[in-house]
Amino acid sequence: IGRGGTSHVTFQIPSLAELELWASWLERNGVATSSESHADGRSVLMFEDPDGLRLELAIGAQASAIPGESEPATSGAPQRLATPHLGPIKQVAVIVSDLERSKAF
């Protein structure tokens, strides 16, 4: 991670149940994770892909159901998924050397 590179990518997850399903799936597949709660109440699960890119799964206040779901996952882990799905990309953070120049660009 350095100038001009991506710091991390955040994916939006629709519910705490879905986030817990992800945490369980990642653990079963040998992926180390950490979690944190933000002051605004968002829960975030963090891990790295095989290339070392930091990925985050965050419960979005305005999150919607995954396309194709019969109902949102709001109570208990959804039984329909053997492997959880990613929601939309919520944020990509990029490291820059000159913020003002990058904003102007």
N, C-alpha and C. Protein backbone atom coordinates (compact mmCIF):
# COMPACT_ATOMS: atom_id res chain seq x y z
N ILE A 1 0.86 -1.18 0.00
CA ILE A 1 0.00 0.00 0.00
C ILE A 1 0.89 1.22 0.00
N GLY A 2 0.66 2.10 -0.94
CA GLY A 2 1.45 3.32 -1.03
C GLY A 2 0.77 4.33 -1.92
N ARG A 3 1.44 5.46 -2.16
CA ARG A 3 0.85 6.52 -2.98
C ARG A 3 0.39 5.97 -4.33
N GLY A 4 -0.80 6.39 -4.72
CA GLY A 4 -1.36 5.95 -5.99
C GLY A 4 -2.05 4.61 -5.91
N GLY A 5 -1.99 3.97 -4.77
CA GLY A 5 -2.61 2.66 -4.61
C GLY A 5 -3.91 2.75 -3.83
N THR A 6 -4.63 1.67 -3.84
CA THR A 6 -5.89 1.59 -3.10
C THR A 6 -5.58 1.17 -1.67
N SER A 7 -6.11 1.91 -0.72
CA SER A 7 -5.94 1.59 0.69
C SER A 7 -6.85 0.45 1.10
N HIS A 8 -8.14 0.56 0.78
CA HIS A 8 -9.09 -0.50 1.10
C HIS A 8 -10.36 -0.32 0.29
N VAL A 9 -11.14 -1.39 0.21
CA VAL A 9 -12.43 -1.38 -0.46
C VAL A 9 -13.47 -1.82 0.56
N THR A 10 -14.56 -1.06 0.65
CA THR A 10 -15.64 -1.38 1.58
C THR A 10 -16.87 -1.82 0.80
N PHE A 11 -17.41 -2.97 1.17
CA PHE A 11 -18.64 -3.48 0.59
C PHE A 11 -19.76 -3.31 1.60
N GLN A 12 -20.92 -2.94 1.12
CA GLN A 12 -22.09 -2.76 1.98
C GLN A 12 -22.78 -4.10 2.19
N ILE A 13 -23.12 -4.40 3.44
CA ILE A 13 -23.81 -5.63 3.81
C ILE A 13 -25.17 -5.22 4.40
N PRO A 14 -26.25 -5.93 4.09
CA PRO A 14 -27.57 -5.48 4.49
C PRO A 14 -27.93 -5.64 5.97
N SER A 15 -27.24 -6.51 6.70
CA SER A 15 -27.68 -6.74 8.08
C SER A 15 -26.57 -7.35 8.92
N LEU A 16 -26.77 -7.31 10.23
CA LEU A 16 -25.83 -7.94 11.15
C LEU A 16 -25.80 -9.45 10.92
N ALA A 17 -26.94 -10.04 10.61
CA ALA A 17 -26.99 -11.49 10.34
C ALA A 17 -26.09 -11.84 9.16
N GLU A 18 -26.13 -11.03 8.11
CA GLU A 18 -25.29 -11.28 6.94
C GLU A 18 -23.81 -11.09 7.30
N LEU A 19 -23.51 -10.09 8.12
CA LEU A 19 -22.13 -9.85 8.55
C LEU A 19 -21.62 -11.04 9.37
N GLU A 20 -22.46 -11.58 10.23
CA GLU A 20 -22.08 -12.76 11.03
C GLU A 20 -21.88 -13.98 10.14
N LEU A 21 -22.71 -14.11 9.10
CA LEU A 21 -22.53 -15.21 8.16
C LEU A 21 -21.18 -15.09 7.46
N TRP A 22 -20.83 -13.86 7.05
CA TRP A 22 -19.52 -13.64 6.44
C TRP A 22 -18.39 -13.99 7.40
N ALA A 23 -18.49 -13.54 8.65
CA ALA A 23 -17.44 -13.81 9.64
C ALA A 23 -17.24 -15.31 9.79
N SER A 24 -18.33 -16.05 9.86
CA SER A 24 -18.25 -17.51 10.00
C SER A 24 -17.64 -18.15 8.75
N TRP A 25 -18.07 -17.71 7.58
CA TRP A 25 -17.56 -18.26 6.32
C TRP A 25 -16.06 -17.99 6.19
N LEU A 26 -15.63 -16.77 6.49
CA LEU A 26 -14.21 -16.43 6.39
C LEU A 26 -13.38 -17.27 7.37
N GLU A 27 -13.87 -17.43 8.59
CA GLU A 27 -13.16 -18.24 9.58
C GLU A 27 -13.03 -19.68 9.11
N ARG A 28 -14.13 -20.26 8.59
CA ARG A 28 -14.09 -21.64 8.09
C ARG A 28 -13.10 -21.80 6.95
N ASN A 29 -12.84 -20.72 6.23
CA ASN A 29 -11.93 -20.77 5.09
C ASN A 29 -10.54 -20.24 5.41
N GLY A 30 -10.23 -20.11 6.70
CA GLY A 30 -8.88 -19.76 7.13
C GLY A 30 -8.48 -18.32 6.92
N VAL A 31 -9.44 -17.41 6.82
CA VAL A 31 -9.13 -16.00 6.61
C VAL A 31 -9.23 -15.27 7.95
N ALA A 32 -8.14 -14.63 8.35
CA ALA A 32 -8.12 -13.87 9.61
C ALA A 32 -8.94 -12.59 9.43
N THR A 33 -9.72 -12.26 10.45
CA THR A 33 -10.55 -11.06 10.41
C THR A 33 -10.39 -10.26 11.68
N SER A 34 -10.80 -9.02 11.62
CA SER A 34 -10.93 -8.19 12.82
C SER A 34 -12.21 -7.38 12.62
N SER A 35 -12.74 -6.86 13.70
CA SER A 35 -13.98 -6.10 13.59
C SER A 35 -13.92 -4.87 14.46
N GLU A 36 -14.75 -3.91 14.12
CA GLU A 36 -14.85 -2.71 14.93
C GLU A 36 -16.24 -2.13 14.77
N SER A 37 -16.63 -1.33 15.74
CA SER A 37 -17.90 -0.60 15.68
C SER A 37 -17.57 0.88 15.62
N HIS A 38 -18.16 1.57 14.69
CA HIS A 38 -17.92 2.99 14.52
C HIS A 38 -18.87 3.79 15.40
N ALA A 39 -18.53 5.04 15.65
CA ALA A 39 -19.35 5.91 16.49
C ALA A 39 -20.76 6.07 15.94
N ASP A 40 -20.91 5.96 14.62
CA ASP A 40 -22.24 6.11 14.02
C ASP A 40 -23.05 4.82 14.08
N GLY A 41 -22.52 3.80 14.76
CA GLY A 41 -23.25 2.56 14.95
C GLY A 41 -22.98 1.49 13.90
N ARG A 42 -22.18 1.80 12.88
CA ARG A 42 -21.86 0.80 11.86
C ARG A 42 -20.93 -0.26 12.41
N SER A 43 -21.21 -1.51 12.09
CA SER A 43 -20.30 -2.60 12.40
C SER A 43 -19.51 -2.92 11.14
N VAL A 44 -18.20 -3.13 11.30
CA VAL A 44 -17.32 -3.36 10.14
C VAL A 44 -16.48 -4.60 10.41
N LEU A 45 -16.42 -5.49 9.41
CA LEU A 45 -15.58 -6.68 9.46
C LEU A 45 -14.46 -6.46 8.46
N MET A 46 -13.21 -6.59 8.91
CA MET A 46 -12.05 -6.31 8.06
C MET A 46 -11.22 -7.57 7.85
N PHE A 47 -10.68 -7.71 6.64
CA PHE A 47 -9.80 -8.82 6.31
C PHE A 47 -9.00 -8.44 5.07
N GLU A 48 -8.08 -9.29 4.65
CA GLU A 48 -7.28 -9.03 3.46
C GLU A 48 -7.49 -10.10 2.43
N ASP A 49 -7.43 -9.69 1.16
CA ASP A 49 -7.50 -10.68 0.08
C ASP A 49 -6.12 -11.33 -0.06
N PRO A 50 -5.99 -12.36 -0.91
CA PRO A 50 -4.69 -13.04 -1.03
C PRO A 50 -3.53 -12.14 -1.45
N ASP A 51 -3.82 -10.99 -2.08
CA ASP A 51 -2.76 -10.06 -2.49
C ASP A 51 -2.46 -9.01 -1.43
N GLY A 52 -3.18 -9.06 -0.30
CA GLY A 52 -2.93 -8.11 0.78
C GLY A 52 -3.78 -6.86 0.74
N LEU A 53 -4.73 -6.76 -0.20
CA LEU A 53 -5.63 -5.61 -0.25
C LEU A 53 -6.62 -5.72 0.91
N ARG A 54 -6.75 -4.64 1.68
CA ARG A 54 -7.66 -4.64 2.81
C ARG A 54 -9.10 -4.51 2.30
N LEU A 55 -9.94 -5.42 2.73
CA LEU A 55 -11.34 -5.41 2.38
C LEU A 55 -12.16 -5.22 3.65
N GLU A 56 -13.27 -4.51 3.53
CA GLU A 56 -14.14 -4.28 4.67
C GLU A 56 -15.57 -4.59 4.26
N LEU A 57 -16.30 -5.21 5.18
CA LEU A 57 -17.72 -5.44 5.02
C LEU A 57 -18.40 -4.59 6.08
N ALA A 58 -19.26 -3.67 5.66
CA ALA A 58 -19.89 -2.73 6.59
C ALA A 58 -21.39 -2.80 6.46
N ILE A 59 -22.06 -2.81 7.60
CA ILE A 59 -23.52 -2.74 7.58
C ILE A 59 -23.89 -1.31 7.22
N GLY A 60 -24.63 -1.15 6.15
CA GLY A 60 -25.02 0.18 5.70
C GLY A 60 -26.37 0.57 6.25
N ALA A 61 -26.49 1.80 6.71
CA ALA A 61 -27.76 2.29 7.24
C ALA A 61 -28.84 2.26 6.16
N GLN A 62 -28.44 2.43 4.90
CA GLN A 62 -29.40 2.43 3.81
C GLN A 62 -29.25 1.18 2.95
N ALA A 63 -28.75 0.12 3.55
CA ALA A 63 -28.51 -1.10 2.79
C ALA A 63 -29.82 -1.71 2.32
N SER A 64 -29.77 -2.33 1.18
CA SER A 64 -30.95 -3.01 0.66
C SER A 64 -30.65 -4.50 0.56
N ALA A 65 -31.68 -5.26 0.29
CA ALA A 65 -31.51 -6.70 0.15
C ALA A 65 -30.64 -7.01 -1.06
N ILE A 66 -30.01 -8.16 -1.04
CA ILE A 66 -29.21 -8.61 -2.17
C ILE A 66 -30.16 -8.91 -3.32
N PRO A 67 -29.86 -8.46 -4.54
CA PRO A 67 -30.75 -8.74 -5.66
C PRO A 67 -31.03 -10.24 -5.77
N GLY A 68 -32.30 -10.57 -5.96
CA GLY A 68 -32.68 -11.97 -6.10
C GLY A 68 -33.10 -12.62 -4.80
N GLU A 69 -32.94 -11.95 -3.68
CA GLU A 69 -33.37 -12.50 -2.41
C GLU A 69 -34.88 -12.43 -2.32
N SER A 70 -35.46 -13.42 -1.65
CA SER A 70 -36.90 -13.36 -1.45
C SER A 70 -37.24 -12.40 -0.33
N GLU A 71 -36.36 -12.23 0.63
CA GLU A 71 -36.56 -11.27 1.70
C GLU A 71 -35.22 -10.86 2.27
N PRO A 72 -35.12 -9.66 2.87
CA PRO A 72 -33.86 -9.24 3.46
C PRO A 72 -33.48 -10.12 4.63
N ALA A 73 -32.17 -10.27 4.84
CA ALA A 73 -31.68 -11.06 5.97
C ALA A 73 -31.67 -10.16 7.21
N THR A 74 -32.70 -10.26 8.02
CA THR A 74 -32.78 -9.37 9.18
C THR A 74 -32.82 -10.11 10.50
N SER A 75 -33.17 -11.37 10.51
CA SER A 75 -33.21 -12.08 11.78
C SER A 75 -32.60 -13.46 11.60
N GLY A 76 -31.49 -13.70 12.24
CA GLY A 76 -30.79 -14.97 12.11
C GLY A 76 -30.04 -15.05 10.80
N ALA A 77 -29.05 -15.90 10.74
CA ALA A 77 -28.26 -16.05 9.52
C ALA A 77 -29.13 -16.63 8.42
N PRO A 78 -29.09 -16.06 7.24
CA PRO A 78 -29.92 -16.56 6.15
C PRO A 78 -29.52 -17.99 5.79
N GLN A 79 -30.47 -18.87 5.72
CA GLN A 79 -30.20 -20.27 5.43
C GLN A 79 -29.98 -20.52 3.95
N ARG A 80 -30.37 -19.58 3.09
CA ARG A 80 -30.31 -19.77 1.65
C ARG A 80 -28.90 -19.76 1.10
N LEU A 81 -27.92 -19.24 1.87
CA LEU A 81 -26.58 -19.06 1.33
C LEU A 81 -25.58 -20.02 1.95
N ALA A 82 -24.95 -20.84 1.12
CA ALA A 82 -23.83 -21.63 1.62
C ALA A 82 -22.60 -20.72 1.67
N THR A 83 -22.51 -19.83 0.69
CA THR A 83 -21.46 -18.82 0.64
C THR A 83 -22.16 -17.46 0.58
N PRO A 84 -21.81 -16.53 1.46
CA PRO A 84 -22.48 -15.23 1.45
C PRO A 84 -22.15 -14.44 0.19
N HIS A 85 -23.01 -13.51 -0.14
CA HIS A 85 -22.81 -12.65 -1.30
C HIS A 85 -22.35 -11.28 -0.85
N LEU A 86 -21.63 -10.59 -1.72
CA LEU A 86 -21.22 -9.21 -1.44
C LEU A 86 -22.31 -8.26 -1.90
N GLY A 87 -22.48 -7.20 -1.14
CA GLY A 87 -23.39 -6.13 -1.55
C GLY A 87 -22.64 -5.18 -2.47
N PRO A 88 -23.23 -4.02 -2.74
CA PRO A 88 -22.55 -3.07 -3.62
C PRO A 88 -21.30 -2.51 -2.96
N ILE A 89 -20.36 -2.05 -3.78
CA ILE A 89 -19.18 -1.38 -3.23
C ILE A 89 -19.65 -0.07 -2.63
N LYS A 90 -19.32 0.13 -1.38
CA LYS A 90 -19.73 1.33 -0.66
C LYS A 90 -18.66 2.40 -0.74
N GLN A 91 -17.39 2.00 -0.75
CA GLN A 91 -16.30 2.98 -0.69
C GLN A 91 -15.02 2.35 -1.20
N VAL A 92 -14.21 3.13 -1.89
CA VAL A 92 -12.84 2.76 -2.24
C VAL A 92 -11.97 3.91 -1.76
N ALA A 93 -10.99 3.61 -0.93
CA ALA A 93 -10.09 4.64 -0.41
C ALA A 93 -8.76 4.53 -1.15
N VAL A 94 -8.28 5.65 -1.65
CA VAL A 94 -7.04 5.69 -2.42
C VAL A 94 -6.04 6.60 -1.71
N ILE A 95 -4.79 6.20 -1.71
CA ILE A 95 -3.73 7.00 -1.10
C ILE A 95 -3.15 7.92 -2.18
N VAL A 96 -3.07 9.22 -1.87
CA VAL A 96 -2.55 10.18 -2.83
C VAL A 96 -1.42 10.99 -2.20
N SER A 97 -0.55 11.56 -3.04
CA SER A 97 0.54 12.37 -2.52
C SER A 97 0.14 13.83 -2.37
N ASP A 98 -0.84 14.29 -3.17
CA ASP A 98 -1.26 15.69 -3.13
C ASP A 98 -2.79 15.73 -3.25
N LEU A 99 -3.48 15.82 -2.13
CA LEU A 99 -4.93 15.75 -2.09
C LEU A 99 -5.58 16.82 -2.94
N GLU A 100 -5.11 18.05 -2.87
CA GLU A 100 -5.71 19.14 -3.65
C GLU A 100 -5.57 18.90 -5.16
N ARG A 101 -4.41 18.44 -5.57
CA ARG A 101 -4.19 18.15 -6.99
C ARG A 101 -5.11 17.00 -7.44
N SER A 102 -5.25 16.01 -6.58
CA SER A 102 -6.14 14.88 -6.92
C SER A 102 -7.59 15.31 -6.98
N LYS A 103 -8.01 16.18 -6.05
CA LYS A 103 -9.39 16.70 -6.08
C LYS A 103 -9.64 17.46 -7.37
N ALA A 104 -8.68 18.29 -7.77
CA ALA A 104 -8.83 19.09 -8.99
C ALA A 104 -8.93 18.19 -10.21
N PHE A 105 -8.18 17.10 -10.21
CA PHE A 105 -8.20 16.17 -11.32
C PHE A 105 -9.56 15.53 -11.44
